[in-house]
Amino acid sequence: MNDRFVKATGLQAVAAIALAAVIAAWWGLHLAIGIAAGGAWNLASLWCLARVLRAWMGPSPSTVRAVSWVVIKFPLLYFLAYRLLSSPSISSIGFGIGFTIVLVVALARLAAYAQQLVSARVDGR
């Protein structure tokens, strides 16, 4: 997972989350806030995962940096998810929808990238 993939996925996911939140506002602000919170949480999780992988397997691996990002990703982000989901102003269903939007965008980007790799010819044409 390189930085370009994470940035492109993040930009596309932010646009999809914003569109879904605007559409969900018809059903209530509660749902729209949940969608935005779930999408933002999953984007933060994806970003932290990219940092963990870069610190662990990048050009200059560092165990200390990798462990630091793991500490940020797991205890802190998951505590934040607990707080968001237990908040009465955020819809749990909306949170799940926002979370899923980021997954769908990332999987679509990975599928497109895999298709490019498969369609590349060995002779370069």
C-alpha atoms as a PDB file:
ATOM      1  CA  MET A   1       0.000   0.000   0.000  1.00  0.00           C
ATOM      2  CA  ASN A   2       1.825   3.092  -1.183  1.00  0.00           C
ATOM      3  CA  ASP A   3       1.165   6.750  -0.396  1.00  0.00           C
ATOM      4  CA  ARG A   4      -0.325   7.446  -3.825  1.00  0.00           C
ATOM      5  CA  PHE A   5      -2.917   4.707  -3.345  1.00  0.00           C
ATOM      6  CA  VAL A   6      -3.849   5.996   0.111  1.00  0.00           C
ATOM      7  CA  LYS A   7      -4.180   9.609  -1.110  1.00  0.00           C
ATOM      8  CA  ALA A   8      -6.256   8.695  -4.157  1.00  0.00           C
ATOM      9  CA  THR A   9      -8.463   6.361  -2.144  1.00  0.00           C
ATOM     10  CA  GLY A  10      -8.848   9.004   0.540  1.00  0.00           C
ATOM     11  CA  LEU A  11      -9.921  11.685  -1.926  1.00  0.00           C
ATOM     12  CA  GLN A  12     -12.435   9.417  -3.627  1.00  0.00           C
ATOM     13  CA  ALA A  13     -13.762   8.188  -0.285  1.00  0.00           C
ATOM     14  CA  VAL A  14     -14.177  11.744   1.042  1.00  0.00           C
ATOM     15  CA  ALA A  15     -16.215  12.631  -2.042  1.00  0.00           C
ATOM     16  CA  ALA A  16     -18.369   9.501  -1.667  1.00  0.00           C
ATOM     17  CA  ILE A  17     -18.869  10.123   2.062  1.00  0.00           C
ATOM     18  CA  ALA A  18     -19.838  13.755   1.459  1.00  0.00           C
ATOM     19  CA  LEU A  19     -22.346  12.722  -1.210  1.00  0.00           C
ATOM     20  CA  ALA A  20     -23.819  10.014   1.035  1.00  0.00           C
ATOM     21  CA  ALA A  21     -24.065  12.416   3.985  1.00  0.00           C
ATOM     22  CA  VAL A  22     -25.868  15.013   1.858  1.00  0.00           C
ATOM     23  CA  ILE A  23     -28.290  12.394   0.578  1.00  0.00           C
ATOM     24  CA  ALA A  24     -28.791  11.005   4.105  1.00  0.00           C
ATOM     25  CA  ALA A  25     -29.629  14.480   5.423  1.00  0.00           C
ATOM     26  CA  TRP A  26     -33.084  13.928   3.902  1.00  0.00           C
ATOM     27  CA  TRP A  27     -33.626  11.150   6.427  1.00  0.00           C
ATOM     28  CA  GLY A  28     -32.174  13.197   9.251  1.00  0.00           C
ATOM     29  CA  LEU A  29     -29.072  14.909  10.494  1.00  0.00           C
ATOM     30  CA  HIS A  30     -28.500  12.032  12.910  1.00  0.00           C
ATOM     31  CA  LEU A  31     -27.865   9.615  10.021  1.00  0.00           C
ATOM     32  CA  ALA A  32     -25.739  12.110   8.063  1.00  0.00           C
ATOM     33  CA  ILE A  33     -23.466  12.729  11.062  1.00  0.00           C
ATOM     34  CA  GLY A  34     -23.124   8.965  11.533  1.00  0.00           C
ATOM     35  CA  ILE A  35     -22.092   8.490   7.902  1.00  0.00           C
ATOM     36  CA  ALA A  36     -19.509  11.264   8.147  1.00  0.00           C
ATOM     37  CA  ALA A  37     -18.146   9.908  11.453  1.00  0.00           C
ATOM     38  CA  GLY A  38     -17.909   6.315  10.193  1.00  0.00           C
ATOM     39  CA  GLY A  39     -16.182   7.365   6.988  1.00  0.00           C
ATOM     40  CA  ALA A  40     -13.762   9.660   8.790  1.00  0.00           C
ATOM     41  CA  TRP A  41     -12.935   6.932  11.299  1.00  0.00           C
ATOM     42  CA  ASN A  42     -12.227   4.387   8.573  1.00  0.00           C
ATOM     43  CA  LEU A  43     -10.097   6.885   6.642  1.00  0.00           C
ATOM     44  CA  ALA A  44      -8.062   7.522   9.804  1.00  0.00           C
ATOM     45  CA  SER A  45      -7.698   3.775  10.283  1.00  0.00           C
ATOM     46  CA  LEU A  46      -6.564   3.290   6.669  1.00  0.00           C
ATOM     47  CA  TRP A  47      -4.063   6.126   7.020  1.00  0.00           C
ATOM     48  CA  CYS A  48      -2.641   4.667  10.249  1.00  0.00           C
ATOM     49  CA  LEU A  49      -2.399   1.231   8.629  1.00  0.00           C
ATOM     50  CA  ALA A  50      -0.439   2.730   5.740  1.00  0.00           C
ATOM     51  CA  ARG A  51       1.921   4.389   8.256  1.00  0.00           C
ATOM     52  CA  VAL A  52       2.395   1.100  10.136  1.00  0.00           C
ATOM     53  CA  LEU A  53       3.243  -0.751   6.921  1.00  0.00           C
ATOM     54  CA  ARG A  54       5.600   1.984   5.750  1.00  0.00           C
ATOM     55  CA  ALA A  55       7.422   2.091   9.104  1.00  0.00           C
ATOM     56  CA  TRP A  56       7.634  -1.699   9.216  1.00  0.00           C
ATOM     57  CA  MET A  57       8.470  -2.578   5.588  1.00  0.00           C
ATOM     58  CA  GLY A  58       9.415   0.744   3.983  1.00  0.00           C
ATOM     59  CA  PRO A  59      12.776   1.899   2.678  1.00  0.00           C
ATOM     60  CA  SER A  60      14.061   2.577   6.221  1.00  0.00           C
ATOM     61  CA  PRO A  61      12.265   0.128   8.546  1.00  0.00           C
ATOM     62  CA  SER A  62      11.923   1.130  12.168  1.00  0.00           C
ATOM     63  CA  THR A  63      10.417  -1.073  14.833  1.00  0.00           C
ATOM     64  CA  VAL A  64       9.907   1.876  17.178  1.00  0.00           C
ATOM     65  CA  ARG A  65       7.897   3.827  14.586  1.00  0.00           C
ATOM     66  CA  ALA A  66       5.883   0.756  13.625  1.00  0.00           C
ATOM     67  CA  VAL A  67       4.989   0.048  17.260  1.00  0.00           C
ATOM     68  CA  SER A  68       4.124   3.725  17.778  1.00  0.00           C
ATOM     69  CA  TRP A  69       1.679   3.657  14.882  1.00  0.00           C
ATOM     70  CA  VAL A  70       0.204   0.365  16.133  1.00  0.00           C
ATOM     71  CA  VAL A  71      -0.385   2.003  19.530  1.00  0.00           C
ATOM     72  CA  ILE A  72      -2.109   4.930  17.821  1.00  0.00           C
ATOM     73  CA  LYS A  73      -4.150   2.717  15.507  1.00  0.00           C
ATOM     74  CA  PHE A  74      -5.476   0.077  17.841  1.00  0.00           C
ATOM     75  CA  PRO A  75      -6.061   1.433  21.349  1.00  0.00           C
ATOM     76  CA  LEU A  76      -6.691   5.073  20.462  1.00  0.00           C
ATOM     77  CA  LEU A  77      -8.715   4.665  17.278  1.00  0.00           C
ATOM     78  CA  TYR A  78     -10.808   1.847  18.684  1.00  0.00           C
ATOM     79  CA  PHE A  79     -11.492   3.815  21.861  1.00  0.00           C
ATOM     80  CA  LEU A  80     -12.601   6.687  19.627  1.00  0.00           C
ATOM     81  CA  ALA A  81     -14.890   4.287  17.732  1.00  0.00           C
ATOM     82  CA  TYR A  82     -16.408   3.159  21.027  1.00  0.00           C
ATOM     83  CA  ARG A  83     -17.022   6.772  22.052  1.00  0.00           C
ATOM     84  CA  LEU A  84     -18.555   7.632  18.681  1.00  0.00           C
ATOM     85  CA  LEU A  85     -20.836   4.598  18.658  1.00  0.00           C
ATOM     86  CA  SER A  86     -21.973   5.175  22.241  1.00  0.00           C
ATOM     87  CA  SER A  87     -22.798   8.826  21.515  1.00  0.00           C
ATOM     88  CA  PRO A  88     -26.541   9.488  21.219  1.00  0.00           C
ATOM     89  CA  SER A  89     -26.009  12.070  18.452  1.00  0.00           C
ATOM     90  CA  ILE A  90     -24.426   9.592  16.019  1.00  0.00           C
ATOM     91  CA  SER A  91     -26.423   6.915  14.233  1.00  0.00           C
ATOM     92  CA  SER A  92     -24.843   3.461  14.475  1.00  0.00           C
ATOM     93  CA  ILE A  93     -26.346   2.525  11.117  1.00  0.00           C
ATOM     94  CA  GLY A  94     -24.924   5.700   9.595  1.00  0.00           C
ATOM     95  CA  PHE A  95     -21.528   4.912  11.112  1.00  0.00           C
ATOM     96  CA  GLY A  96     -21.629   1.488   9.478  1.00  0.00           C
ATOM     97  CA  ILE A  97     -22.615   2.981   6.133  1.00  0.00           C
ATOM     98  CA  GLY A  98     -19.771   5.523   6.241  1.00  0.00           C
ATOM     99  CA  PHE A  99     -17.320   2.800   7.286  1.00  0.00           C
ATOM    100  CA  THR A 100     -18.459   0.587   4.407  1.00  0.00           C
ATOM    101  CA  ILE A 101     -18.178   3.371   1.819  1.00  0.00           C
ATOM    102  CA  VAL A 102     -14.435   3.627   2.454  1.00  0.00           C
ATOM    103  CA  LEU A 103     -14.061  -0.163   2.145  1.00  0.00           C
ATOM    104  CA  VAL A 104     -15.960  -0.227  -1.148  1.00  0.00           C
ATOM    105  CA  VAL A 105     -13.879   2.628  -2.587  1.00  0.00           C
ATOM    106  CA  ALA A 106     -10.612   0.966  -1.504  1.00  0.00           C
ATOM    107  CA  LEU A 107     -11.654  -2.410  -2.944  1.00  0.00           C
ATOM    108  CA  ALA A 108     -12.719  -0.783  -6.225  1.00  0.00           C
ATOM    109  CA  ARG A 109      -9.346   0.957  -6.490  1.00  0.00           C
ATOM    110  CA  LEU A 110      -7.523  -2.301  -5.747  1.00  0.00           C
ATOM    111  CA  ALA A 111      -9.595  -4.112  -8.379  1.00  0.00           C
ATOM    112  CA  ALA A 112      -8.793  -1.426 -10.951  1.00  0.00           C
ATOM    113  CA  TYR A 113      -5.097  -1.644 -10.084  1.00  0.00           C
ATOM    114  CA  ALA A 114      -5.170  -5.443 -10.341  1.00  0.00           C
ATOM    115  CA  GLN A 115      -6.870  -5.167 -13.740  1.00  0.00           C
ATOM    116  CA  GLN A 116      -4.064  -2.901 -14.932  1.00  0.00           C
ATOM    117  CA  LEU A 117      -1.474  -5.433 -13.770  1.00  0.00           C
ATOM    118  CA  VAL A 118      -3.269  -8.305 -15.466  1.00  0.00           C
ATOM    119  CA  SER A 119      -3.726  -6.456 -18.753  1.00  0.00           C
ATOM    120  CA  ALA A 120      -0.056  -5.400 -18.974  1.00  0.00           C
ATOM    121  CA  ARG A 121       1.807  -7.411 -21.560  1.00  0.00           C
ATOM    122  CA  VAL A 122       5.225  -8.866 -20.948  1.00  0.00           C
ATOM    123  CA  ASP A 123       6.668  -7.353 -24.122  1.00  0.00           C
ATOM    124  CA  GLY A 124       5.649  -3.835 -23.023  1.00  0.00           C
ATOM    125  CA  ARG A 125       3.018  -3.274 -25.727  1.00  0.00           C
END
